[in-house]
Amino acid sequence: SYRYRFHPPESPSFERCIGLAWCSGCRVYSGSMVHVSRGQV
């Protein structure tokens, strides 16, 4: 899995991030919006 920020730090949506999860064996993945606190790097 991997999470990344989509919005810049000054945005009120900064804590709304993209979360991806995948299986290397089946080559299938899913993605969704996830909450990551502003202070988490």
Full PDB file with SEQRES, HELIX, SHEET, SSBOND, CRYST1, ORIGX, SCALE, CONECT and MASTER records, all heavy atoms in Angstrom:
SEQRES   1 A   41  SER TYR ARG TYR ARG PHE HIS PRO PRO GLU SER PRO SER          
SEQRES   2 A   41  PHE GLU ARG CYS ILE GLY LEU ALA TRP CYS SER GLY CYS          
SEQRES   3 A   41  ARG VAL TYR SER GLY SER MET VAL HIS VAL SER ARG GLY          
SEQRES   4 A   41  GLN VAL                                                      
SHEET    1 AA1 3 TYR A   2  ARG A   5  0                                        
SHEET    2 AA1 3 ARG A  16  CYS A  23 -1                                        
SHEET    3 AA1 3 VAL A  28  HIS A  35 -1                                        
CRYST1    1.000    1.000    1.000  90.00  90.00  90.00 P 1           1          
ORIGX1      1.000000  0.000000  0.000000        0.00000                         
ORIGX2      0.000000  1.000000  0.000000        0.00000                         
ORIGX3      0.000000  0.000000  1.000000        0.00000                         
SCALE1      1.000000  0.000000  0.000000        0.00000                         
SCALE2      0.000000  1.000000  0.000000        0.00000                         
SCALE3      0.000000  0.000000  1.000000        0.00000                         
ATOM      1  N   SER A   1       0.831  -1.195   0.000  1.00  0.00           N  
ATOM      2  CA  SER A   1       0.000   0.000   0.000  1.00  0.00           C  
ATOM      3  C   SER A   1       0.869   1.250   0.000  1.00  0.00           C  
ATOM      4  O   SER A   1       2.055   1.207   0.346  1.00  0.00           O  
ATOM      5  CB  SER A   1      -0.935   0.010   1.205  1.00  0.00           C  
ATOM      6  OG  SER A   1      -0.188   0.055   2.403  1.00  0.00           O  
ATOM      7  N   TYR A   2       0.238   2.342  -0.394  1.00  0.00           N  
ATOM      8  CA  TYR A   2       0.927   3.635  -0.477  1.00  0.00           C  
ATOM      9  C   TYR A   2      -0.113   4.727  -0.361  1.00  0.00           C  
ATOM     10  O   TYR A   2      -1.212   4.614  -0.910  1.00  0.00           O  
ATOM     11  CB  TYR A   2       1.655   3.740  -1.823  1.00  0.00           C  
ATOM     12  CG  TYR A   2       2.425   5.019  -2.019  1.00  0.00           C  
ATOM     13  CD1 TYR A   2       3.626   5.244  -1.353  1.00  0.00           C  
ATOM     14  CD2 TYR A   2       1.956   6.000  -2.880  1.00  0.00           C  
ATOM     15  CE1 TYR A   2       4.336   6.417  -1.540  1.00  0.00           C  
ATOM     16  CE2 TYR A   2       2.666   7.174  -3.079  1.00  0.00           C  
ATOM     17  CZ  TYR A   2       3.858   7.376  -2.398  1.00  0.00           C  
ATOM     18  OH  TYR A   2       4.563   8.542  -2.582  1.00  0.00           O  
ATOM     19  N   ARG A   3       0.219   5.784   0.366  1.00  0.00           N  
ATOM     20  CA  ARG A   3      -0.656   6.941   0.496  1.00  0.00           C  
ATOM     21  C   ARG A   3       0.111   8.176   0.050  1.00  0.00           C  
ATOM     22  O   ARG A   3       1.307   8.302   0.322  1.00  0.00           O  
ATOM     23  CB  ARG A   3      -1.099   7.136   1.947  1.00  0.00           C  
ATOM     24  CG  ARG A   3      -1.929   5.976   2.457  1.00  0.00           C  
ATOM     25  CD  ARG A   3      -2.215   6.093   3.925  1.00  0.00           C  
ATOM     26  NE  ARG A   3      -0.938   6.112   4.644  1.00  0.00           N  
ATOM     27  CZ  ARG A   3      -0.795   6.475   5.902  1.00  0.00           C  
ATOM     28  NH1 ARG A   3      -1.837   6.867   6.601  1.00  0.00           N  
ATOM     29  NH2 ARG A   3       0.374   6.462   6.485  1.00  0.00           N  
ATOM     30  N   TYR A   4      -0.596   9.078  -0.633  1.00  0.00           N  
ATOM     31  CA  TYR A   4       0.056  10.320  -1.030  1.00  0.00           C  
ATOM     32  C   TYR A   4      -0.926  11.474  -0.994  1.00  0.00           C  
ATOM     33  O   TYR A   4      -2.128  11.291  -1.104  1.00  0.00           O  
ATOM     34  CB  TYR A   4       0.705  10.190  -2.413  1.00  0.00           C  
ATOM     35  CG  TYR A   4      -0.239   9.987  -3.573  1.00  0.00           C  
ATOM     36  CD1 TYR A   4      -0.670  11.059  -4.341  1.00  0.00           C  
ATOM     37  CD2 TYR A   4      -0.677   8.710  -3.915  1.00  0.00           C  
ATOM     38  CE1 TYR A   4      -1.526  10.869  -5.420  1.00  0.00           C  
ATOM     39  CE2 TYR A   4      -1.525   8.514  -4.989  1.00  0.00           C  
ATOM     40  CZ  TYR A   4      -1.946   9.600  -5.732  1.00  0.00           C  
ATOM     41  OH  TYR A   4      -2.788   9.406  -6.794  1.00  0.00           O  
ATOM     42  N   ARG A   5      -0.348  12.651  -0.816  1.00  0.00           N  
ATOM     43  CA  ARG A   5      -1.161  13.863  -0.729  1.00  0.00           C  
ATOM     44  C   ARG A   5      -1.465  14.373  -2.142  1.00  0.00           C  
ATOM     45  O   ARG A   5      -0.612  14.365  -3.012  1.00  0.00           O  
ATOM     46  CB  ARG A   5      -0.437  14.927   0.068  1.00  0.00           C  
ATOM     47  CG  ARG A   5      -0.195  14.475   1.505  1.00  0.00           C  
ATOM     48  CD  ARG A   5      -0.023  15.641   2.427  1.00  0.00           C  
ATOM     49  NE  ARG A   5       0.336  15.204   3.760  1.00  0.00           N  
ATOM     50  CZ  ARG A   5      -0.538  14.940   4.723  1.00  0.00           C  
ATOM     51  NH1 ARG A   5      -1.826  15.075   4.501  1.00  0.00           N  
ATOM     52  NH2 ARG A   5      -0.126  14.546   5.916  1.00  0.00           N  
ATOM     53  N   PHE A   6      -2.687  14.802  -2.320  1.00  0.00           N  
ATOM     54  CA  PHE A   6      -3.144  15.295  -3.607  1.00  0.00           C  
ATOM     55  C   PHE A   6      -3.259  16.815  -3.606  1.00  0.00           C  
ATOM     56  O   PHE A   6      -3.096  17.455  -4.626  1.00  0.00           O  
ATOM     57  CB  PHE A   6      -4.500  14.653  -3.925  1.00  0.00           C  
ATOM     58  CG  PHE A   6      -5.014  14.954  -5.287  1.00  0.00           C  
ATOM     59  CD1 PHE A   6      -4.445  14.358  -6.404  1.00  0.00           C  
ATOM     60  CD2 PHE A   6      -6.064  15.834  -5.469  1.00  0.00           C  
ATOM     61  CE1 PHE A   6      -4.928  14.640  -7.679  1.00  0.00           C  
ATOM     62  CE2 PHE A   6      -6.552  16.116  -6.735  1.00  0.00           C  
ATOM     63  CZ  PHE A   6      -5.973  15.509  -7.836  1.00  0.00           C  
ATOM     64  N   HIS A   7      -3.517  17.381  -2.438  1.00  0.00           N  
ATOM     65  CA  HIS A   7      -3.735  18.822  -2.293  1.00  0.00           C  
ATOM     66  C   HIS A   7      -2.517  19.488  -1.659  1.00  0.00           C  
ATOM     67  O   HIS A   7      -1.825  18.892  -0.846  1.00  0.00           O  
ATOM     68  CB  HIS A   7      -4.975  19.088  -1.429  1.00  0.00           C  
ATOM     69  CG  HIS A   7      -6.223  18.494  -1.991  1.00  0.00           C  
ATOM     70  ND1 HIS A   7      -6.907  19.051  -3.046  1.00  0.00           N  
ATOM     71  CD2 HIS A   7      -6.907  17.364  -1.668  1.00  0.00           C  
ATOM     72  CE1 HIS A   7      -7.959  18.319  -3.330  1.00  0.00           C  
ATOM     73  NE2 HIS A   7      -7.985  17.285  -2.510  1.00  0.00           N  
ATOM     74  N   PRO A   8      -2.270  20.762  -1.995  1.00  0.00           N  
ATOM     75  CA  PRO A   8      -1.134  21.486  -1.403  1.00  0.00           C  
ATOM     76  C   PRO A   8      -1.379  21.774   0.086  1.00  0.00           C  
ATOM     77  O   PRO A   8      -2.530  21.790   0.538  1.00  0.00           O  
ATOM     78  CB  PRO A   8      -1.072  22.785  -2.222  1.00  0.00           C  
ATOM     79  CG  PRO A   8      -2.437  22.954  -2.782  1.00  0.00           C  
ATOM     80  CD  PRO A   8      -3.010  21.576  -2.958  1.00  0.00           C  
ATOM     81  N   PRO A   9      -0.306  22.020   0.855  1.00  0.00           N  
ATOM     82  CA  PRO A   9      -0.433  22.239   2.297  1.00  0.00           C  
ATOM     83  C   PRO A   9      -1.394  23.367   2.688  1.00  0.00           C  
ATOM     84  O   PRO A   9      -2.036  23.296   3.731  1.00  0.00           O  
ATOM     85  CB  PRO A   9       0.992  22.583   2.741  1.00  0.00           C  
ATOM     86  CG  PRO A   9       1.869  22.011   1.693  1.00  0.00           C  
ATOM     87  CD  PRO A   9       1.077  22.040   0.415  1.00  0.00           C  
ATOM     88  N   GLU A  10      -1.532  24.385   1.852  1.00  0.00           N  
ATOM     89  CA  GLU A  10      -2.411  25.501   2.202  1.00  0.00           C  
ATOM     90  C   GLU A  10      -3.896  25.196   1.960  1.00  0.00           C  
ATOM     91  O   GLU A  10      -4.770  25.959   2.365  1.00  0.00           O  
ATOM     92  CB  GLU A  10      -2.007  26.779   1.454  1.00  0.00           C  
ATOM     93  CG  GLU A  10      -2.061  26.680  -0.050  1.00  0.00           C  
ATOM     94  CD  GLU A  10      -0.822  26.059  -0.706  1.00  0.00           C  
ATOM     95  OE1 GLU A  10       0.109  25.645  -0.005  1.00  0.00           O  
ATOM     96  OE2 GLU A  10      -0.825  25.988  -1.945  1.00  0.00           O  
ATOM     97  N   SER A  11      -4.182  24.087   1.334  1.00  0.00           N  
ATOM     98  CA  SER A  11      -5.566  23.722   1.024  1.00  0.00           C  
ATOM     99  C   SER A  11      -6.293  23.177   2.262  1.00  0.00           C  
ATOM    100  O   SER A  11      -5.716  22.417   3.043  1.00  0.00           O  
ATOM    101  CB  SER A  11      -5.587  22.648  -0.066  1.00  0.00           C  
ATOM    102  OG  SER A  11      -6.888  22.141  -0.231  1.00  0.00           O  
ATOM    103  N   PRO A  12      -7.573  23.513   2.421  1.00  0.00           N  
ATOM    104  CA  PRO A  12      -8.348  22.918   3.513  1.00  0.00           C  
ATOM    105  C   PRO A  12      -8.549  21.412   3.315  1.00  0.00           C  
ATOM    106  O   PRO A  12      -8.897  20.703   4.246  1.00  0.00           O  
ATOM    107  CB  PRO A  12      -9.686  23.659   3.471  1.00  0.00           C  
ATOM    108  CG  PRO A  12      -9.704  24.460   2.224  1.00  0.00           C  
ATOM    109  CD  PRO A  12      -8.315  24.511   1.666  1.00  0.00           C  
ATOM    110  N   SER A  13      -8.300  20.921   2.102  1.00  0.00           N  
ATOM    111  CA  SER A  13      -8.436  19.487   1.802  1.00  0.00           C  
ATOM    112  C   SER A  13      -7.116  18.730   1.918  1.00  0.00           C  
ATOM    113  O   SER A  13      -7.020  17.571   1.500  1.00  0.00           O  
ATOM    114  CB  SER A  13      -8.993  19.309   0.387  1.00  0.00           C  
ATOM    115  OG  SER A  13     -10.270  19.885   0.285  1.00  0.00           O  
ATOM    116  N   PHE A  14      -6.093  19.354   2.484  1.00  0.00           N  
ATOM    117  CA  PHE A  14      -4.755  18.754   2.578  1.00  0.00           C  
ATOM    118  C   PHE A  14      -4.781  17.370   3.225  1.00  0.00           C  
ATOM    119  O   PHE A  14      -3.998  16.501   2.860  1.00  0.00           O  
ATOM    120  CB  PHE A  14      -3.827  19.688   3.354  1.00  0.00           C  
ATOM    121  CG  PHE A  14      -2.405  19.222   3.436  1.00  0.00           C  
ATOM    122  CD1 PHE A  14      -1.605  19.139   2.296  1.00  0.00           C  
ATOM    123  CD2 PHE A  14      -1.842  18.879   4.658  1.00  0.00           C  
ATOM    124  CE1 PHE A  14      -0.282  18.728   2.377  1.00  0.00           C  
ATOM    125  CE2 PHE A  14      -0.520  18.461   4.741  1.00  0.00           C  
ATOM    126  CZ  PHE A  14       0.263  18.388   3.600  1.00  0.00           C  
ATOM    127  N   GLU A  15      -5.669  17.154   4.192  1.00  0.00           N  
ATOM    128  CA  GLU A  15      -5.722  15.877   4.898  1.00  0.00           C  
ATOM    129  C   GLU A  15      -6.444  14.790   4.101  1.00  0.00           C  
ATOM    130  O   GLU A  15      -6.415  13.623   4.483  1.00  0.00           O  
ATOM    131  CB  GLU A  15      -6.372  16.051   6.266  1.00  0.00           C  
ATOM    132  CG  GLU A  15      -5.511  16.906   7.188  1.00  0.00           C  
ATOM    133  CD  GLU A  15      -6.149  17.142   8.541  1.00  0.00           C  
ATOM    134  OE1 GLU A  15      -7.396  17.245   8.620  1.00  0.00           O  
ATOM    135  OE2 GLU A  15      -5.393  17.237   9.524  1.00  0.00           O  
ATOM    136  N   ARG A  16      -7.073  15.154   3.002  1.00  0.00           N  
ATOM    137  CA  ARG A  16      -7.713  14.156   2.124  1.00  0.00           C  
ATOM    138  C   ARG A  16      -6.663  13.660   1.144  1.00  0.00           C  
ATOM    139  O   ARG A  16      -6.207  14.393   0.277  1.00  0.00           O  
ATOM    140  CB  ARG A  16      -8.889  14.777   1.376  1.00  0.00           C  
ATOM    141  CG  ARG A  16     -10.010  15.180   2.312  1.00  0.00           C  
ATOM    142  CD  ARG A  16     -11.203  15.633   1.561  1.00  0.00           C  
ATOM    143  NE  ARG A  16     -11.781  14.447   0.906  1.00  0.00           N  
ATOM    144  CZ  ARG A  16     -12.717  14.503  -0.025  1.00  0.00           C  
ATOM    145  NH1 ARG A  16     -13.187  15.649  -0.418  1.00  0.00           N  
ATOM    146  NH2 ARG A  16     -13.176  13.407  -0.564  1.00  0.00           N  
ATOM    147  N   CYS A  17      -6.276  12.422   1.300  1.00  0.00           N  
ATOM    148  CA  CYS A  17      -5.184  11.849   0.507  1.00  0.00           C  
ATOM    149  C   CYS A  17      -5.696  10.677  -0.321  1.00  0.00           C  
ATOM    150  O   CYS A  17      -6.810  10.198  -0.133  1.00  0.00           O  
ATOM    151  CB  CYS A  17      -4.067  11.375   1.440  1.00  0.00           C  
ATOM    152  SG  CYS A  17      -3.368  12.712   2.427  1.00  0.00           S  
ATOM    153  N   ILE A  18      -4.843  10.221  -1.229  1.00  0.00           N  
ATOM    154  CA  ILE A  18      -5.155   9.051  -2.037  1.00  0.00           C  
ATOM    155  C   ILE A  18      -4.453   7.851  -1.407  1.00  0.00           C  
ATOM    156  O   ILE A  18      -3.264   7.909  -1.092  1.00  0.00           O  
ATOM    157  CB  ILE A  18      -4.634   9.208  -3.488  1.00  0.00           C  
ATOM    158  CG1 ILE A  18      -5.126  10.501  -4.120  1.00  0.00           C  
ATOM    159  CG2 ILE A  18      -4.997   7.983  -4.330  1.00  0.00           C  
ATOM    160  CD1 ILE A  18      -6.596  10.580  -4.375  1.00  0.00           C  
ATOM    161  N   GLY A  19      -5.199   6.790  -1.217  1.00  0.00           N  
ATOM    162  CA  GLY A  19      -4.634   5.548  -0.705  1.00  0.00           C  
ATOM    163  C   GLY A  19      -4.755   4.476  -1.773  1.00  0.00           C  
ATOM    164  O   GLY A  19      -5.834   4.280  -2.349  1.00  0.00           O  
ATOM    165  N   LEU A  20      -3.653   3.814  -2.067  1.00  0.00           N  
ATOM    166  CA  LEU A  20      -3.648   2.720  -3.034  1.00  0.00           C  
ATOM    167  C   LEU A  20      -3.228   1.436  -2.323  1.00  0.00           C  
ATOM    168  O   LEU A  20      -2.367   1.465  -1.436  1.00  0.00           O  
ATOM    169  CB  LEU A  20      -2.651   2.996  -4.165  1.00  0.00           C  
ATOM    170  CG  LEU A  20      -2.914   4.219  -5.037  1.00  0.00           C  
ATOM    171  CD1 LEU A  20      -1.715   4.498  -5.937  1.00  0.00           C  
ATOM    172  CD2 LEU A  20      -4.164   4.006  -5.873  1.00  0.00           C  
ATOM    173  N   ALA A  21      -3.813   0.321  -2.709  1.00  0.00           N  
ATOM    174  CA  ALA A  21      -3.419  -0.995  -2.198  1.00  0.00           C  
ATOM    175  C   ALA A  21      -3.424  -1.944  -3.384  1.00  0.00           C  
ATOM    176  O   ALA A  21      -4.256  -1.812  -4.288  1.00  0.00           O  
ATOM    177  CB  ALA A  21      -4.394  -1.464  -1.125  1.00  0.00           C  
ATOM    178  N   TRP A  22      -2.480  -2.891  -3.410  1.00  0.00           N  
ATOM    179  CA  TRP A  22      -2.409  -3.783  -4.558  1.00  0.00           C  
ATOM    180  C   TRP A  22      -1.792  -5.121  -4.219  1.00  0.00           C  
ATOM    181  O   TRP A  22      -1.119  -5.281  -3.210  1.00  0.00           O  
ATOM    182  CB  TRP A  22      -1.643  -3.132  -5.711  1.00  0.00           C  
ATOM    183  CG  TRP A  22      -0.190  -2.878  -5.436  1.00  0.00           C  
ATOM    184  CD1 TRP A  22       0.867  -3.692  -5.737  1.00  0.00           C  
ATOM    185  CD2 TRP A  22       0.376  -1.728  -4.799  1.00  0.00           C  
ATOM    186  NE1 TRP A  22       2.050  -3.115  -5.333  1.00  0.00           N  
ATOM    187  CE2 TRP A  22       1.768  -1.909  -4.749  1.00  0.00           C  
ATOM    188  CE3 TRP A  22      -0.164  -0.555  -4.266  1.00  0.00           C  
ATOM    189  CZ2 TRP A  22       2.628  -0.961  -4.192  1.00  0.00           C  
ATOM    190  CZ3 TRP A  22       0.695   0.373  -3.712  1.00  0.00           C  
ATOM    191  CH2 TRP A  22       2.068   0.166  -3.681  1.00  0.00           C  
ATOM    192  N   CYS A  23      -2.043  -6.091  -5.094  1.00  0.00           N  
ATOM    193  CA  CYS A  23      -1.466  -7.434  -5.004  1.00  0.00           C  
ATOM    194  C   CYS A  23      -0.528  -7.611  -6.190  1.00  0.00           C  
ATOM    195  O   CYS A  23      -0.974  -7.560  -7.341  1.00  0.00           O  
ATOM    196  CB  CYS A  23      -2.561  -8.497  -5.042  1.00  0.00           C  
ATOM    197  SG  CYS A  23      -1.892 -10.183  -5.176  1.00  0.00           S  
ATOM    198  N   SER A  24       0.743  -7.811  -5.914  1.00  0.00           N  
ATOM    199  CA  SER A  24       1.723  -8.013  -6.985  1.00  0.00           C  
ATOM    200  C   SER A  24       1.489  -9.322  -7.716  1.00  0.00           C  
ATOM    201  O   SER A  24       1.796  -9.433  -8.900  1.00  0.00           O  
ATOM    202  CB  SER A  24       3.145  -8.018  -6.402  1.00  0.00           C  
ATOM    203  OG  SER A  24       3.431  -6.787  -5.808  1.00  0.00           O  
ATOM    204  N   GLY A  25       0.964 -10.315  -7.033  1.00  0.00           N  
ATOM    205  CA  GLY A  25       0.729 -11.616  -7.651  1.00  0.00           C  
ATOM    206  C   GLY A  25      -0.408 -11.590  -8.658  1.00  0.00           C  
ATOM    207  O   GLY A  25      -0.278 -12.078  -9.777  1.00  0.00           O  
ATOM    208  N   CYS A  26      -1.522 -11.015  -8.272  1.00  0.00           N  
ATOM    209  CA  CYS A  26      -2.703 -10.964  -9.147  1.00  0.00           C  
ATOM    210  C   CYS A  26      -2.730  -9.738 -10.050  1.00  0.00           C  
ATOM    211  O   CYS A  26      -3.513  -9.681 -10.987  1.00  0.00           O  
ATOM    212  CB  CYS A  26      -3.980 -10.974  -8.299  1.00  0.00           C  
ATOM    213  SG  CYS A  26      -4.264 -12.515  -7.430  1.00  0.00           S  
ATOM    214  N   ARG A  27      -1.883  -8.743  -9.745  1.00  0.00           N  
ATOM    215  CA  ARG A  27      -1.821  -7.482 -10.489  1.00  0.00           C  
ATOM    216  C   ARG A  27      -3.162  -6.751 -10.444  1.00  0.00           C  
ATOM    217  O   ARG A  27      -3.624  -6.183 -11.411  1.00  0.00           O  
ATOM    218  CB  ARG A  27      -1.372  -7.701 -11.937  1.00  0.00           C  
ATOM    219  CG  ARG A  27      -0.123  -8.526 -12.112  1.00  0.00           C  
ATOM    220  CD  ARG A  27       1.131  -7.827 -12.198  1.00  0.00           C  
ATOM    221  NE  ARG A  27       1.230  -6.883 -13.281  1.00  0.00           N  
ATOM    222  CZ  ARG A  27       2.274  -6.109 -13.424  1.00  0.00           C  
ATOM    223  NH1 ARG A  27       3.261  -6.192 -12.580  1.00  0.00           N  
ATOM    224  NH2 ARG A  27       2.335  -5.246 -14.391  1.00  0.00           N  
ATOM    225  N   VAL A  28      -3.774  -6.762  -9.272  1.00  0.00           N  
ATOM    226  CA  VAL A  28      -5.035  -6.072  -9.045  1.00  0.00           C  
ATOM    227  C   VAL A  28      -4.783  -4.991  -7.996  1.00  0.00           C  
ATOM    228  O   VAL A  28      -3.928  -5.148  -7.124  1.00  0.00           O  
ATOM    229  CB  VAL A  28      -6.139  -7.058  -8.594  1.00  0.00           C  
ATOM    230  CG1 VAL A  28      -5.798  -7.735  -7.289  1.00  0.00           C  
ATOM    231  CG2 VAL A  28      -7.492  -6.393  -8.528  1.00  0.00           C  
ATOM    232  N   TYR A  29      -5.517  -3.877  -8.106  1.00  0.00           N  
ATOM    233  CA  TYR A  29      -5.342  -2.807  -7.141  1.00  0.00           C  
ATOM    234  C   TYR A  29      -6.660  -2.100  -6.881  1.00  0.00           C  
ATOM    235  O   TYR A  29      -7.627  -2.250  -7.623  1.00  0.00           O  
ATOM    236  CB  TYR A  29      -4.283  -1.802  -7.607  1.00  0.00           C  
ATOM    237  CG  TYR A  29      -4.739  -0.867  -8.706  1.00  0.00           C  
ATOM    238  CD1 TYR A  29      -5.188   0.411  -8.405  1.00  0.00           C  
ATOM    239  CD2 TYR A  29      -4.720  -1.263 -10.041  1.00  0.00           C  
ATOM    240  CE1 TYR A  29      -5.597   1.273  -9.410  1.00  0.00           C  
ATOM    241  CE2 TYR A  29      -5.134  -0.407 -11.043  1.00  0.00           C  
ATOM    242  CZ  TYR A  29      -5.573   0.859 -10.721  1.00  0.00           C  
ATOM    243  OH  TYR A  29      -5.987   1.708 -11.713  1.00  0.00           O  
ATOM    244  N   SER A  30      -6.672  -1.330  -5.798  1.00  0.00           N  
ATOM    245  CA  SER A  30      -7.812  -0.489  -5.492  1.00  0.00           C  
ATOM    246  C   SER A  30      -7.288   0.842  -4.980  1.00  0.00           C  
ATOM    247  O   SER A  30      -6.147   0.941  -4.532  1.00  0.00           O  
ATOM    248  CB  SER A  30      -8.727  -1.146  -4.451  1.00  0.00           C  
ATOM    249  OG  SER A  30      -8.017  -1.358  -3.248  1.00  0.00           O  
ATOM    250  N   GLY A  31      -8.113   1.847  -5.081  1.00  0.00           N  
ATOM    251  CA  GLY A  31      -7.736   3.172  -4.617  1.00  0.00           C  
ATOM    252  C   GLY A  31      -8.925   3.864  -3.993  1.00  0.00           C  
ATOM    253  O   GLY A  31     -10.071   3.608  -4.365  1.00  0.00           O  
ATOM    254  N   SER A  32      -8.636   4.713  -3.015  1.00  0.00           N  
ATOM    255  CA  SER A  32      -9.713   5.451  -2.359  1.00  0.00           C  
ATOM    256  C   SER A  32      -9.155   6.700  -1.692  1.00  0.00           C  
ATOM    257  O   SER A  32      -7.941   6.849  -1.540  1.00  0.00           O  
ATOM    258  CB  SER A  32     -10.413   4.568  -1.319  1.00  0.00           C  
ATOM    259  OG  SER A  32      -9.484   4.194  -0.314  1.00  0.00           O  
ATOM    260  N   MET A  33     -10.064   7.581  -1.292  1.00  0.00           N  
ATOM    261  CA  MET A  33      -9.672   8.748  -0.508  1.00  0.00           C  
ATOM    262  C   MET A  33      -9.493   8.274   0.925  1.00  0.00           C  
ATOM    263  O   MET A  33     -10.306   7.500   1.434  1.00  0.00           O  
ATOM    264  CB  MET A  33     -10.751   9.827  -0.563  1.00  0.00           C  
ATOM    265  CG  MET A  33     -10.962  10.443  -1.922  1.00  0.00           C  
ATOM    266  SD  MET A  33      -9.509  11.291  -2.578  1.00  0.00           S  
ATOM    267  CE  MET A  33      -9.427  12.715  -1.541  1.00  0.00           C  
ATOM    268  N   VAL A  34      -8.414   8.734   1.567  1.00  0.00           N  
ATOM    269  CA  VAL A  34      -8.142   8.387   2.953  1.00  0.00           C  
ATOM    270  C   VAL A  34      -7.771   9.652   3.716  1.00  0.00           C  
ATOM    271  O   VAL A  34      -7.307  10.626   3.121  1.00  0.00           O  
ATOM    272  CB  VAL A  34      -7.011   7.336   3.078  1.00  0.00           C  
ATOM    273  CG1 VAL A  34      -7.410   6.013   2.434  1.00  0.00           C  
ATOM    274  CG2 VAL A  34      -5.719   7.840   2.466  1.00  0.00           C  
ATOM    275  N   HIS A  35      -7.978   9.642   5.000  1.00  0.00           N  
ATOM    276  CA  HIS A  35      -7.622  10.786   5.843  1.00  0.00           C  
ATOM    277  C   HIS A  35      -6.226  10.554   6.412  1.00  0.00           C  
ATOM    278  O   HIS A  35      -5.937   9.487   6.960  1.00  0.00           O  
ATOM    279  CB  HIS A  35      -8.619  10.944   6.983  1.00  0.00           C  
ATOM    280  CG  HIS A  35      -8.270  12.071   7.898  1.00  0.00           C  
ATOM    281  ND1 HIS A  35      -7.472  11.902   9.004  1.00  0.00           N  
ATOM    282  CD2 HIS A  35      -8.580  13.382   7.850  1.00  0.00           C  
ATOM    283  CE1 HIS A  35      -7.321  13.059   9.613  1.00  0.00           C  
ATOM    284  NE2 HIS A  35      -7.982  13.984   8.931  1.00  0.00           N  
ATOM    285  N   VAL A  36      -5.352  11.543   6.255  1.00  0.00           N  
ATOM    286  CA  VAL A  36      -4.016  11.519   6.855  1.00  0.00           C  
ATOM    287  C   VAL A  36      -3.859  12.859   7.566  1.00  0.00           C  
ATOM    288  O   VAL A  36      -3.979  13.914   6.938  1.00  0.00           O  
ATOM    289  CB  VAL A  36      -2.903  11.329   5.793  1.00  0.00           C  
ATOM    290  CG1 VAL A  36      -1.532  11.380   6.442  1.00  0.00           C  
ATOM    291  CG2 VAL A  36      -3.093  10.028   5.034  1.00  0.00           C  
ATOM    292  N   SER A  37      -3.588  12.811   8.859  1.00  0.00           N  
ATOM    293  CA  SER A  37      -3.501  14.053   9.627  1.00  0.00           C  
ATOM    294  C   SER A  37      -2.454  14.989   9.040  1.00  0.00           C  
ATOM    295  O   SER A  37      -1.453  14.562   8.463  1.00  0.00           O  
ATOM    296  CB  SER A  37      -3.205  13.767  11.092  1.00  0.00           C  
ATOM    297  OG  SER A  37      -1.915  13.220  11.222  1.00  0.00           O  
ATOM    298  N   ARG A  38      -2.707  16.249   9.197  1.00  0.00           N  
ATOM    299  CA  ARG A  38      -1.856  17.305   8.647  1.00  0.00           C  
ATOM    300  C   ARG A  38      -0.406  17.163   9.101  1.00  0.00           C  
ATOM    301  O   ARG A  38       0.521  17.413   8.348  1.00  0.00           O  
ATOM    302  CB  ARG A  38      -2.426  18.661   9.068  1.00  0.00           C  
ATOM    303  CG  ARG A  38      -1.768  19.840   8.411  1.00  0.00           C  
ATOM    304  CD  ARG A  38      -2.544  21.118   8.664  1.00  0.00           C  
ATOM    305  NE  ARG A  38      -3.751  21.238   7.855  1.00  0.00           N  
ATOM    306  CZ  ARG A  38      -3.757  21.647   6.585  1.00  0.00           C  
ATOM    307  NH1 ARG A  38      -2.650  21.978   5.991  1.00  0.00           N  
ATOM    308  NH2 ARG A  38      -4.888  21.734   5.913  1.00  0.00           N  
ATOM    309  N   GLY A  39      -0.184  16.721  10.327  1.00  0.00           N  
ATOM    310  CA  GLY A  39       1.163  16.621  10.876  1.00  0.00           C  
ATOM    311  C   GLY A  39       1.940  15.387  10.442  1.00  0.00           C  
ATOM    312  O   GLY A  39       3.157  15.306  10.634  1.00  0.00           O  
ATOM    313  N   GLN A  40       1.283  14.413   9.846  1.00  0.00           N  
ATOM    314  CA  GLN A  40       1.965  13.190   9.432  1.00  0.00           C  
ATOM    315  C   GLN A  40       2.684  13.407   8.107  1.00  0.00           C  
ATOM    316  O   GLN A  40       2.095  13.868   7.136  1.00  0.00           O  
ATOM    317  CB  GLN A  40       0.987  12.029   9.305  1.00  0.00           C  
ATOM    318  CG  GLN A  40       1.681  10.719   9.008  1.00  0.00           C  
ATOM    319  CD  GLN A  40       0.717   9.539   9.040  1.00  0.00           C  
ATOM    320  OE1 GLN A  40      -0.447   9.680   9.387  1.00  0.00           O  
ATOM    321  NE2 GLN A  40       1.209   8.384   8.671  1.00  0.00           N  
ATOM    322  N   VAL A  41       3.964  13.076   8.089  1.00  0.00           N  
ATOM    323  CA  VAL A  41       4.770  13.219   6.882  1.00  0.00           C  
ATOM    324  C   VAL A  41       4.679  11.911   6.093  1.00  0.00           C  
ATOM    325  O   VAL A  41       4.881  10.835   6.642  1.00  0.00           O  
ATOM    326  CB  VAL A  41       6.238  13.535   7.234  1.00  0.00           C  
ATOM    327  CG1 VAL A  41       7.093  13.591   5.985  1.00  0.00           C  
ATOM    328  CG2 VAL A  41       6.331  14.836   8.019  1.00  0.00           C  
TER     329      VAL A  41                                                      
MASTER        0    0    0    0    3    0    0    6  328    1    0    4          
END                                                                             
